[in-house]
């Protein structure tokens, strides 16, 4: 592909992703619907009266810690588990009682589950042969899948002759060969190293856009979910805590649980001192004599205790106090420093002994650090940098 064509394709895909938001359209009909679904294993409630809509062509992520119910939710859609109560529909069809092989879904497992005695070509063709597809059609479909995942030159190899990333692509091609309405991805990149995992995430996004297919991914990796998904459902104890696009999940978490689970965050307890239209004054516990001003609407009242969530990259660390009096500021000393190459992470100890974390981009090449251990510093943030959480 020429550079010009590549750039044009990239811009087109980006434009589609920016405009894609059927969940905001009251006329849009969901492809997948979970309606009041509960799943029990004995006395344990894995899914608790959950309702969720997923739309056609959406790349949707189920995100949460181990045991939160995300895999169970996916397995019920695939047909490997049946709900204890409630309804699951796919394209308007009630799936309860429908065996997995009759559902228009396919699952890609973390282990890949490739047949070790078969070639790449035969692994991809296996499901098509099981369905009784004509030989010529099988050959054409397999070649199409090999081209899609860029493995044409590896068609005759066995799985043990491939790298981890190549085996992952074979598993993806086999899952897509039957052209399901929904591809289910159960921790699909967990076995890959960090750099390859990041590269593969973008390849998955490109393939999903090219095919126009619905992808549902289960992951506990916050960065992975933020990268690939159009929307994320954050789960905890079998319930949905927040369902929103990645930017909303990160910048406007609905609760302390979401703020702490997705990315790094500083949580500062504070009391609401006053409320004026568009502006709240807080008295933080870490420094009651240093009021914070926050530009956010909040359902709480004067005197209520809330939590102010501050992402590390929203904080500035300087050796001198900020000149702008409207900027919120705390003073402290450097307790620890983490150098990550592109960023330096500063752990600042405040006067009361508590610590906050700030991230500073390394914009210049420096031999000596301008800020080092035990330096007295000022940590500041603008009034719109934090998010007030009431739950």
Protein backbone atom coordinates (compact mmCIF):
# COMPACT_ATOMS: atom_id res chain seq x y z
CA UNK A 1 0.00 0.00 0.00
CA UNK A 2 1.42 3.41 -0.92
CA UNK A 3 1.97 6.04 1.75
CA UNK A 4 -0.78 8.25 0.34
CA UNK A 5 -3.33 5.43 0.34
CA UNK A 6 -2.30 4.42 3.85
CA UNK A 7 -2.79 7.96 5.12
CA UNK A 8 -6.16 8.24 3.41
CA UNK A 9 -7.32 4.93 4.91
CA UNK A 10 -6.09 5.95 8.35
CA UNK A 11 -7.98 9.25 8.20
CA UNK A 12 -11.12 7.50 7.02
CA UNK A 13 -10.98 4.94 9.82
CA UNK A 14 -10.34 7.68 12.37
CA UNK A 15 -13.30 9.63 11.11
CA UNK A 16 -15.55 6.61 11.39
CA UNK A 17 -14.42 5.90 14.94
CA UNK A 18 -14.99 9.51 16.02
CA UNK A 19 -18.52 9.60 14.62
CA UNK A 20 -19.55 6.09 15.74
CA UNK A 21 -21.89 6.41 18.74
CA UNK A 22 -25.16 4.48 18.18
CA UNK A 23 -25.74 4.33 21.95
CA UNK A 24 -26.60 8.03 21.77
CA UNK A 25 -29.26 7.44 19.10
CA UNK A 26 -32.67 6.62 20.62
CA UNK A 27 -33.69 5.03 17.29
CA UNK A 28 -30.73 2.60 17.17
CA UNK A 29 -31.57 -1.06 17.79
CA UNK A 30 -29.00 -3.01 19.86
CA UNK A 31 -27.47 -6.12 18.33
CA UNK A 32 -26.97 -7.76 21.74
CA UNK A 33 -29.29 -7.28 24.70
CA UNK A 34 -28.86 -8.53 28.24
CA UNK A 35 -32.16 -7.95 30.04
CA UNK A 36 -32.28 -8.41 33.82
CA UNK A 37 -29.80 -11.29 33.61
CA UNK A 38 -28.79 -13.12 36.78
CA UNK A 39 -26.40 -16.06 36.98
CA UNK A 40 -25.97 -18.11 40.14
CA UNK A 41 -23.50 -20.87 40.91
CA UNK A 42 -25.10 -22.41 43.98
CA UNK A 43 -25.36 -19.63 46.55
CA UNK A 44 -22.86 -17.43 44.70
CA UNK A 45 -24.31 -14.68 42.48
CA UNK A 46 -21.88 -14.16 39.58
CA UNK A 47 -24.16 -11.80 37.58
CA UNK A 48 -26.68 -9.74 39.51
CA UNK A 49 -29.78 -8.54 37.61
CA UNK A 50 -27.69 -6.98 34.83
CA UNK A 51 -29.00 -5.18 31.74
CA UNK A 52 -26.74 -4.08 28.89
CA UNK A 53 -27.07 -3.13 25.20
CA UNK A 54 -24.26 -3.62 22.64
CA UNK A 55 -24.58 -2.31 19.08
CA UNK A 56 -23.63 -3.62 15.66
CA UNK A 57 -20.04 -2.77 14.61
CA UNK A 58 -19.16 -1.81 18.19
CA UNK A 59 -15.85 -2.82 19.77
CA UNK A 60 -17.06 -3.32 23.33
CA UNK A 61 -14.91 -4.13 26.38
CA UNK A 62 -15.89 -5.81 29.63
CA UNK A 63 -13.36 -4.59 32.19
CA UNK A 64 -12.92 -5.55 35.80
CA UNK A 65 -10.90 -7.50 38.36
CA UNK A 66 -10.83 -11.29 38.56
CA UNK A 67 -14.14 -12.65 39.80
CA UNK A 68 -16.23 -9.61 38.82
CA UNK A 69 -18.39 -11.64 36.37
CA UNK A 70 -17.06 -10.41 33.01
CA UNK A 71 -16.11 -13.85 31.67
CA UNK A 72 -19.39 -15.35 32.88
CA UNK A 73 -21.25 -12.61 31.00
CA UNK A 74 -19.38 -13.49 27.81
CA UNK A 75 -19.80 -17.26 28.26
CA UNK A 76 -23.56 -16.82 28.55
CA UNK A 77 -23.60 -15.03 25.19
CA UNK A 78 -21.49 -17.82 23.68
CA UNK A 79 -23.79 -20.51 25.09
CA UNK A 80 -21.31 -22.13 27.47
CA UNK A 81 -23.42 -21.01 30.43
CA UNK A 82 -27.15 -20.41 30.73
CA UNK A 83 -28.58 -17.52 32.77
CA UNK A 84 -30.43 -18.39 35.96
CA UNK A 85 -32.98 -15.73 35.04
CA UNK A 86 -33.40 -12.96 32.49
CA UNK A 87 -33.04 -12.88 28.71
CA UNK A 88 -30.16 -12.59 26.24
CA UNK A 89 -30.94 -11.76 22.61
CA UNK A 90 -28.75 -11.51 19.52
CA UNK A 91 -30.22 -9.69 16.50
CA UNK A 92 -33.64 -10.04 18.10
CA UNK A 93 -33.33 -13.82 18.66
CA UNK A 94 -33.68 -15.17 22.19
CA UNK A 95 -30.56 -17.24 22.80
CA UNK A 96 -31.69 -19.09 25.91
CA UNK A 97 -31.64 -22.82 25.11
CA UNK A 98 -29.75 -22.37 21.82
CA UNK A 99 -26.56 -24.53 21.78
CA UNK A 100 -23.23 -22.76 21.14
CA UNK A 101 -22.75 -24.20 17.64
CA UNK A 102 -26.08 -22.75 16.50
CA UNK A 103 -25.34 -19.23 17.70
CA UNK A 104 -23.89 -16.58 15.39
CA UNK A 105 -20.96 -16.07 17.72
CA UNK A 106 -17.41 -17.36 17.83
CA UNK A 107 -14.91 -17.19 20.67
CA UNK A 108 -11.17 -16.66 20.63
CA UNK A 109 -9.58 -18.02 23.79
CA UNK A 110 -6.49 -16.78 25.60
CA UNK A 111 -4.79 -20.17 25.09
CA UNK A 112 -5.57 -19.97 21.31
CA UNK A 113 -6.50 -23.73 21.38
CA UNK A 114 -4.83 -24.44 18.02
CA UNK A 115 -4.55 -28.03 16.78
CA UNK A 116 -0.81 -28.79 17.06
CA UNK A 117 -0.82 -31.51 14.36
CA UNK A 118 -2.50 -29.27 11.77
CA UNK A 119 -0.95 -26.59 9.57
CA UNK A 120 -1.99 -22.96 9.80
CA UNK A 121 -4.13 -23.46 6.68
CA UNK A 122 -5.91 -26.50 8.15
CA UNK A 123 -6.47 -24.84 11.52
CA UNK A 124 -8.30 -21.98 9.81
CA UNK A 125 -10.26 -24.39 7.59
CA UNK A 126 -11.33 -26.71 10.41
CA UNK A 127 -14.60 -25.01 11.37
CA UNK A 128 -15.57 -24.49 7.73
CA UNK A 129 -15.12 -28.21 7.04
CA UNK A 130 -17.21 -29.05 10.09
CA UNK A 131 -19.99 -26.92 8.61
CA UNK A 132 -19.80 -28.85 5.32
CA UNK A 133 -18.72 -25.91 3.19
CA UNK A 134 -17.72 -26.72 -0.39
CA UNK A 135 -13.98 -27.22 -0.93
CA UNK A 136 -13.54 -24.32 -3.33
CA UNK A 137 -15.35 -21.96 -0.96
CA UNK A 138 -13.20 -23.17 1.94
CA UNK A 139 -10.00 -22.50 0.01
CA UNK A 140 -11.16 -19.00 -0.94
CA UNK A 141 -12.19 -18.18 2.64
CA UNK A 142 -8.94 -19.47 4.15
CA UNK A 143 -6.87 -17.44 1.69
CA UNK A 144 -8.96 -14.39 2.54
CA UNK A 145 -8.31 -14.90 6.26
CA UNK A 146 -4.58 -15.49 5.75
CA UNK A 147 -4.36 -12.22 3.84
CA UNK A 148 -6.38 -10.41 6.50
CA UNK A 149 -3.95 -11.41 9.29
CA UNK A 150 -0.85 -11.20 7.03
CA UNK A 151 0.13 -14.87 7.32
CA UNK A 152 0.09 -15.96 3.66
CA UNK A 153 3.72 -17.10 3.84
CA UNK A 154 3.09 -19.24 6.93
CA UNK A 155 0.15 -21.30 5.67
CA UNK A 156 2.03 -24.63 5.71
CA UNK A 157 3.66 -24.21 9.11
CA UNK A 158 2.53 -25.95 12.30
CA UNK A 159 1.70 -23.90 15.42
CA UNK A 160 4.98 -24.83 17.17
CA UNK A 161 6.88 -23.22 14.27
CA UNK A 162 5.24 -19.83 14.90
CA UNK A 163 5.88 -17.03 17.36
CA UNK A 164 3.32 -16.16 20.02
CA UNK A 165 2.04 -13.23 17.99
CA UNK A 166 1.68 -15.39 14.87
CA UNK A 167 -0.25 -18.07 16.78
CA UNK A 168 -2.53 -15.33 18.07
CA UNK A 169 -3.22 -14.28 14.47
CA UNK A 170 -4.01 -17.85 13.43
CA UNK A 171 -6.52 -18.12 16.27
CA UNK A 172 -8.06 -14.82 15.20
CA UNK A 173 -8.30 -15.92 11.56
CA UNK A 174 -9.94 -19.22 12.55
CA UNK A 175 -12.46 -17.36 14.73
CA UNK A 176 -13.34 -14.98 11.90
CA UNK A 177 -13.49 -17.57 9.11
CA UNK A 178 -17.10 -18.54 9.83
CA UNK A 179 -18.11 -14.88 9.71
CA UNK A 180 -19.98 -14.72 13.01
CA UNK A 181 -22.14 -11.73 13.89
CA UNK A 182 -20.10 -11.31 17.08
CA UNK A 183 -16.49 -12.22 17.83
CA UNK A 184 -15.86 -12.92 21.51
CA UNK A 185 -12.31 -12.28 22.72
CA UNK A 186 -11.45 -13.76 26.12
CA UNK A 187 -8.20 -12.12 27.30
CA UNK A 188 -6.82 -12.70 23.78
CA UNK A 189 -3.52 -10.84 24.20
CA UNK A 190 -2.57 -11.94 27.69
CA UNK A 191 0.19 -14.29 26.50
CA UNK A 192 2.01 -11.64 24.45
CA UNK A 193 4.83 -9.41 25.64
CA UNK A 194 4.02 -5.74 26.27
CA UNK A 195 5.30 -4.30 23.00
CA UNK A 196 3.71 -6.99 20.82
CA UNK A 197 0.48 -6.70 22.79
CA UNK A 198 0.32 -2.97 22.09
CA UNK A 199 0.98 -3.50 18.37
CA UNK A 200 -1.66 -6.24 18.18
CA UNK A 201 -4.27 -4.05 19.84
CA UNK A 202 -4.14 -1.64 16.90
CA UNK A 203 -4.20 -4.55 14.43
CA UNK A 204 -7.37 -5.84 16.10
CA UNK A 205 -8.95 -2.40 15.80
CA UNK A 206 -8.06 -2.19 12.10
CA UNK A 207 -9.44 -5.69 11.39
CA UNK A 208 -12.65 -4.95 13.29
CA UNK A 209 -13.17 -1.75 11.32
CA UNK A 210 -12.36 -3.43 8.02
CA UNK A 211 -14.83 -6.27 8.60
CA UNK A 212 -17.53 -4.08 10.14
CA UNK A 213 -18.06 -6.77 12.78
CA UNK A 214 -19.02 -6.54 16.45
CA UNK A 215 -16.18 -7.43 18.83
CA UNK A 216 -16.71 -8.11 22.53
CA UNK A 217 -13.50 -8.35 24.55
CA UNK A 218 -13.01 -9.43 28.16
CA UNK A 219 -9.92 -7.98 29.83
CA UNK A 220 -8.53 -6.89 33.20
CA UNK A 221 -5.97 -4.66 31.44
CA UNK A 222 -7.18 -1.07 31.69
CA UNK A 223 -4.84 0.24 28.98
CA UNK A 224 -5.96 -2.48 26.58
CA UNK A 225 -9.64 -1.65 27.11
CA UNK A 226 -8.96 2.09 26.76
CA UNK A 227 -7.08 1.51 23.50
CA UNK A 228 -9.37 -0.82 21.57
CA UNK A 229 -12.89 -0.16 22.80
CA UNK A 230 -15.61 2.20 21.58
CA UNK A 231 -17.22 1.73 24.99
CA UNK A 232 -16.17 0.08 28.23
CA UNK A 233 -18.32 -1.59 30.88
CA UNK A 234 -16.55 -1.48 34.22
CA UNK A 235 -17.80 -4.36 36.39
CA UNK A 236 -17.64 -5.23 40.07
CA UNK A 237 -19.32 -8.08 41.94
CA UNK A 238 -21.55 -9.00 39.00
CA UNK A 239 -22.85 -5.48 38.44
CA UNK A 240 -22.16 -2.72 35.94
CA UNK A 241 -20.51 0.21 37.71
CA UNK A 242 -20.20 2.48 34.66
CA UNK A 243 -20.70 2.04 30.89
CA UNK A 244 -19.21 4.79 28.72
CA UNK A 245 -16.57 5.60 26.08
CA UNK A 246 -12.96 5.39 27.32
CA UNK A 247 -12.48 9.17 27.64
CA UNK A 248 -15.59 9.48 29.81
CA UNK A 249 -14.56 6.53 31.99
CA UNK A 250 -11.15 8.12 32.58
CA UNK A 251 -12.02 11.82 32.80
CA UNK A 252 -15.48 11.55 34.38
CA UNK A 253 -15.54 8.42 36.56
CA UNK A 254 -18.92 7.78 38.12
CA UNK A 255 -17.50 6.56 41.43
CA UNK A 256 -14.35 6.21 43.47
CA UNK A 257 -14.16 2.55 42.43
CA UNK A 258 -13.98 3.47 38.72
CA UNK A 259 -11.49 6.29 39.33
CA UNK A 260 -9.16 3.98 41.26
CA UNK A 261 -9.52 0.99 38.94
CA UNK A 262 -8.90 2.81 35.67
CA UNK A 263 -5.49 4.50 35.69
CA UNK A 264 -3.56 6.18 38.50
CA UNK A 265 -5.40 8.65 40.68
CA UNK A 266 -4.99 10.68 43.86
CA UNK A 267 -8.08 10.67 46.09
CA UNK A 268 -8.26 13.63 48.49
CA UNK A 269 -11.13 13.65 51.03
CA UNK A 270 -12.56 17.14 51.44
CA UNK A 271 -15.51 19.04 52.87
CA UNK A 272 -17.64 21.37 50.75
CA UNK A 273 -17.15 24.87 52.15
CA UNK A 274 -19.30 26.88 49.73
CA UNK A 275 -21.19 26.55 46.47
CA UNK A 276 -21.72 29.20 43.82
CA UNK A 277 -22.93 28.64 40.23
CA UNK A 278 -20.23 26.61 38.50
CA UNK A 279 -17.75 26.82 41.39
CA UNK A 280 -17.25 24.85 44.59
CA UNK A 281 -14.86 25.66 47.42
CA UNK A 282 -13.47 22.63 49.23
CA UNK A 283 -11.50 22.23 52.45
CA UNK A 284 -9.19 19.25 51.89
CA UNK A 285 -8.31 17.08 54.87
CA UNK A 286 -4.63 17.15 53.88
CA UNK A 287 -4.53 20.96 54.25
CA UNK A 288 -7.71 22.47 55.75
CA UNK A 289 -6.22 25.98 55.67
CA UNK A 290 -5.66 25.78 51.89
CA UNK A 291 -9.09 25.91 50.18
CA UNK A 292 -9.49 24.34 46.76
CA UNK A 293 -11.67 25.86 44.04
CA UNK A 294 -13.27 23.37 41.64
CA UNK A 295 -15.38 24.19 38.58
CA UNK A 296 -17.87 21.32 38.64
CA UNK A 297 -21.55 20.83 39.25
CA UNK A 298 -22.12 18.54 42.23
CA UNK A 299 -25.28 17.11 43.86
CA UNK A 300 -23.71 17.42 47.35
CA UNK A 301 -24.49 20.26 49.77
CA UNK A 302 -22.38 22.59 51.89
CA UNK A 303 -20.84 20.66 54.76
CA UNK A 304 -20.87 17.30 52.94
CA UNK A 305 -17.71 15.22 52.73
CA UNK A 306 -16.68 14.30 49.18
CA UNK A 307 -13.60 12.93 47.43
CA UNK A 308 -11.58 14.97 44.95
CA UNK A 309 -10.02 12.71 42.28
CA UNK A 310 -6.87 14.08 40.65
CA UNK A 311 -4.98 12.24 37.91
CA UNK A 312 -1.16 12.52 38.31
CA UNK A 313 -0.70 14.06 34.86
CA UNK A 314 -3.08 16.89 35.82
CA UNK A 315 -0.72 18.04 38.59
CA UNK A 316 2.27 20.36 38.16
CA UNK A 317 5.36 20.00 40.36
CA UNK A 318 7.54 23.10 40.63
CA UNK A 319 10.24 24.47 42.91
CA UNK A 320 8.40 27.79 43.17
CA UNK A 321 4.72 28.44 43.99
CA UNK A 322 2.45 29.26 41.02
CA UNK A 323 2.10 32.92 40.13
CA UNK A 324 -1.59 32.56 39.25
CA UNK A 325 -3.68 32.93 42.45
CA UNK A 326 -6.61 31.02 40.90
CA UNK A 327 -4.54 27.83 40.77
CA UNK A 328 -4.94 25.38 43.65
CA UNK A 329 -1.68 24.59 45.43
CA UNK A 330 -0.19 22.29 48.06
CA UNK A 331 3.36 22.28 49.39
CA UNK A 332 5.46 19.28 50.30
CA UNK A 333 8.78 17.56 49.72
CA UNK A 334 9.92 14.95 47.22
CA UNK A 335 9.71 11.53 48.86
CA UNK A 336 10.48 9.39 45.81
CA UNK A 337 11.02 9.65 42.05
CA UNK A 338 10.36 7.14 39.28
CA UNK A 339 12.02 7.79 35.94
CA UNK A 340 10.07 6.19 33.06
CA UNK A 341 11.84 7.82 30.11
CA UNK A 342 8.98 9.84 28.71
CA UNK A 343 7.69 10.70 32.18
CA UNK A 344 9.02 11.21 35.67
CA UNK A 345 6.71 10.20 38.51
CA UNK A 346 7.09 12.28 41.66
CA UNK A 347 5.78 11.09 45.02
CA UNK A 348 5.32 14.18 47.15
CA UNK A 349 4.97 13.99 50.92
CA UNK A 350 2.63 16.65 52.32
CA UNK A 351 2.78 18.34 55.71
CA UNK A 352 0.34 15.86 57.30
CA UNK A 353 2.45 12.88 56.18
CA UNK A 354 0.19 11.79 53.33
CA UNK A 355 1.58 11.42 49.81
CA UNK A 356 0.32 12.30 46.36
CA UNK A 357 1.64 11.31 42.97
CA UNK A 358 2.36 13.68 40.08
CA UNK A 359 3.52 12.88 36.54
CA UNK A 360 5.75 15.28 34.63
CA UNK A 361 6.72 14.79 30.96
CA UNK A 362 10.44 14.89 30.24
CA UNK A 363 10.39 17.46 27.45
CA UNK A 364 14.12 18.21 27.39
CA UNK A 365 17.28 16.13 27.64
CA UNK A 366 18.77 16.73 31.05
CA UNK A 367 21.98 15.56 32.71
CA UNK A 368 20.84 16.62 36.16
CA UNK A 369 17.31 16.59 37.51
CA UNK A 370 15.93 20.08 38.25
CA UNK A 371 13.85 18.48 41.01
CA UNK A 372 15.36 15.79 43.19
CA UNK A 373 14.87 13.91 46.46
CA UNK A 374 13.90 15.92 49.57
CA UNK A 375 13.43 19.14 47.57
CA UNK A 376 10.64 21.35 48.82
CA UNK A 377 8.10 21.63 46.00
CA UNK A 378 4.70 23.03 45.17
CA UNK A 379 2.04 20.81 43.64
CA UNK A 380 -0.61 22.78 41.77
CA UNK A 381 -3.66 22.13 39.61
CA UNK A 382 -6.27 24.20 37.82
CA UNK A 383 -9.89 24.40 39.05
CA UNK A 384 -11.09 22.13 36.21
CA UNK A 385 -8.42 19.42 36.73
CA UNK A 386 -10.18 17.39 39.42
CA UNK A 387 -13.42 15.41 39.61
CA UNK A 388 -15.62 15.47 42.70
CA UNK A 389 -16.90 12.02 43.65
CA UNK A 390 -19.80 11.46 46.02
CA UNK A 391 -19.78 7.65 45.94
